[in-house]
C-alpha atoms as a PDB file:
ATOM      1  CA  MET A   1       7.343   9.180   1.019  1.00  0.00           C
ATOM      2  CA  ILE A   2       6.382   5.770   2.362  1.00  0.00           C
ATOM      3  CA  GLY A   3       4.852   3.457  -0.219  1.00  0.00           C
ATOM      4  CA  MET A   4       6.253   5.148  -3.326  1.00  0.00           C
ATOM      5  CA  TYR A   5       8.109   2.261  -4.995  1.00  0.00           C
ATOM      6  CA  GLU A   6       5.974  -0.125  -7.041  1.00  0.00           C
ATOM      7  CA  ASP A   7       8.491  -2.975  -6.903  1.00  0.00           C
ATOM      8  CA  TYR A   8       8.274  -3.270  -3.108  1.00  0.00           C
ATOM      9  CA  ASN A   9       5.282  -4.828  -1.346  1.00  0.00           C
ATOM     10  CA  TYR A  10       4.305  -2.067   1.095  1.00  0.00           C
ATOM     11  CA  HIS A  11       0.911  -3.699   1.626  1.00  0.00           C
ATOM     12  CA  ASP A  12       2.541  -6.475   3.677  1.00  0.00           C
ATOM     13  CA  MET A  13       4.849  -4.040   5.477  1.00  0.00           C
ATOM     14  CA  PHE A  14       1.923  -1.849   6.611  1.00  0.00           C
ATOM     15  CA  LYS A  15      -0.062  -4.924   7.665  1.00  0.00           C
ATOM     16  CA  GLU A  16       2.876  -6.269   9.702  1.00  0.00           C
ATOM     17  CA  TYR A  17       3.454  -2.898  11.384  1.00  0.00           C
ATOM     18  CA  ALA A  18      -0.234  -2.663  12.316  1.00  0.00           C
ATOM     19  CA  GLU A  19      -0.041  -6.185  13.807  1.00  0.00           C
ATOM     20  CA  ILE A  20       3.087  -5.397  15.829  1.00  0.00           C
ATOM     21  CA  ILE A  21       1.702  -2.229  17.412  1.00  0.00           C
ATOM     22  CA  SER A  22      -2.013  -2.988  17.786  1.00  0.00           C
ATOM     23  CA  GLY A  23      -2.330  -6.768  17.408  1.00  0.00           C
ATOM     24  CA  LYS A  24      -2.425  -7.462  21.146  1.00  0.00           C
ATOM     25  CA  TRP A  25      -5.214  -4.925  21.724  1.00  0.00           C
ATOM     26  CA  PHE A  26      -7.310  -6.355  18.882  1.00  0.00           C
ATOM     27  CA  GLU A  27      -6.705  -9.909  20.115  1.00  0.00           C
ATOM     28  CA  GLU A  28      -7.817  -8.982  23.648  1.00  0.00           C
ATOM     29  CA  ASN A  29     -11.007  -7.510  22.160  1.00  0.00           C
ATOM     30  CA  HIS A  30     -11.614 -10.554  19.915  1.00  0.00           C
ATOM     31  CA  LEU A  31     -11.193  -8.607  16.666  1.00  0.00           C
ATOM     32  CA  GLU A  32      -9.220  -9.375  13.516  1.00  0.00           C
ATOM     33  CA  ILE A  33      -7.248  -6.609  11.809  1.00  0.00           C
ATOM     34  CA  VAL A  34      -8.810  -6.077   8.385  1.00  0.00           C
ATOM     35  CA  GLY A  35      -7.299  -2.824   7.102  1.00  0.00           C
ATOM     36  CA  ALA A  36      -5.072   0.168   7.783  1.00  0.00           C
ATOM     37  CA  LYS A  37      -4.526   3.625   6.364  1.00  0.00           C
ATOM     38  CA  ILE A  38      -1.733   6.144   6.935  1.00  0.00           C
ATOM     39  CA  VAL A  39      -2.657   9.809   7.142  1.00  0.00           C
ATOM     40  CA  GLY A  40       0.124  12.212   8.061  1.00  0.00           C
ATOM     41  CA  ASN A  41       2.028  10.849  11.067  1.00  0.00           C
ATOM     42  CA  TYR A  42      -0.736   8.433  12.057  1.00  0.00           C
ATOM     43  CA  MET A  43      -1.904   4.981  11.039  1.00  0.00           C
ATOM     44  CA  TYR A  44      -5.570   4.125  11.495  1.00  0.00           C
ATOM     45  CA  VAL A  45      -6.205   0.393  11.913  1.00  0.00           C
ATOM     46  CA  LYS A  46      -9.597  -1.292  11.600  1.00  0.00           C
ATOM     47  CA  GLY A  47     -10.585  -4.458  13.456  1.00  0.00           C
ATOM     48  CA  TYR A  48     -13.681  -6.575  12.824  1.00  0.00           C
ATOM     49  CA  ASP A  49     -15.097  -9.796  14.266  1.00  0.00           C
ATOM     50  CA  GLY A  50     -17.510 -10.934  11.534  1.00  0.00           C
ATOM     51  CA  GLY A  51     -20.074 -12.243  13.991  1.00  0.00           C
ATOM     52  CA  PHE A  52     -23.729 -11.421  14.353  1.00  0.00           C
ATOM     53  CA  PRO A  53     -24.228  -8.860  15.570  1.00  0.00           C
ATOM     54  CA  HIS A  54     -20.808  -7.811  14.361  1.00  0.00           C
ATOM     55  CA  ALA A  55     -18.349  -5.639  16.234  1.00  0.00           C
ATOM     56  CA  SER A  56     -15.710  -3.337  14.859  1.00  0.00           C
ATOM     57  CA  ALA A  57     -13.226  -0.865  16.295  1.00  0.00           C
ATOM     58  CA  TYR A  58     -10.429   1.389  15.152  1.00  0.00           C
ATOM     59  CA  VAL A  59      -7.155   2.471  16.705  1.00  0.00           C
ATOM     60  CA  LYS A  60      -4.981   5.456  15.888  1.00  0.00           C
ATOM     61  CA  ILE A  61      -1.238   4.790  16.009  1.00  0.00           C
ATOM     62  CA  ASP A  62       1.353   7.571  16.287  1.00  0.00           C
ATOM     63  CA  LEU A  63       4.037   6.510  13.784  1.00  0.00           C
ATOM     64  CA  LYS A  64       6.767   8.582  15.458  1.00  0.00           C
ATOM     65  CA  GLU A  65       6.120   7.083  18.902  1.00  0.00           C
ATOM     66  CA  SER A  66       4.982   3.635  17.657  1.00  0.00           C
ATOM     67  CA  LYS A  67       2.106   3.502  20.116  1.00  0.00           C
ATOM     68  CA  ILE A  68      -1.683   3.646  20.158  1.00  0.00           C
ATOM     69  CA  VAL A  69      -2.913   7.157  20.933  1.00  0.00           C
ATOM     70  CA  ASN A  70      -6.689   6.850  20.427  1.00  0.00           C
ATOM     71  CA  TYR A  71      -9.532   4.326  20.080  1.00  0.00           C
ATOM     72  CA  TYR A  72     -12.769   4.572  18.101  1.00  0.00           C
ATOM     73  CA  ASN A  73     -15.795   2.283  18.538  1.00  0.00           C
ATOM     74  CA  THR A  74     -17.481   2.899  15.186  1.00  0.00           C
ATOM     75  CA  GLN A  75     -16.660   4.072  11.696  1.00  0.00           C
ATOM     76  CA  TYR A  76     -18.610   7.248  12.425  1.00  0.00           C
ATOM     77  CA  GLU A  77     -16.232   8.220  15.228  1.00  0.00           C
ATOM     78  CA  CYS A  78     -13.084   7.456  13.211  1.00  0.00           C
ATOM     79  CA  PRO A  79     -12.065  10.514  11.140  1.00  0.00           C
ATOM     80  CA  VAL A  80     -10.606   8.335   8.331  1.00  0.00           C
ATOM     81  CA  GLU A  81     -12.241   5.702   6.124  1.00  0.00           C
ATOM     82  CA  VAL A  82     -10.335   2.406   6.432  1.00  0.00           C
ATOM     83  CA  LYS A  83     -11.328  -0.119   3.773  1.00  0.00           C
ATOM     84  CA  ASP A  84     -11.399  -3.849   4.440  1.00  0.00           C
ATOM     85  CA  GLY A  85      -8.403  -5.681   2.930  1.00  0.00           C
ATOM     86  CA  VAL A  86      -6.530  -2.469   2.123  1.00  0.00           C
ATOM     87  CA  TYR A  87      -3.286  -1.472   3.811  1.00  0.00           C
ATOM     88  CA  GLU A  88      -2.129   1.901   2.482  1.00  0.00           C
END
């Protein structure tokens, strides 16, 4: 199970993985990655711009293929709650 050892900083590892796979897409859309959550074989990554009016988006990454497989425009479309500042 990924993330099961307390002495290893998985928070940074998940954040780095999210950046590697989806960072370019978020950069092109002027969003900053603010959180990620792994569910099954997928990682859901949240991006946010902090402006007014603010914009946010989510991507779904297939962990086996290491590629983006879906995009969501709002938290209501994304099937998983991704909390700001949390990489789990």
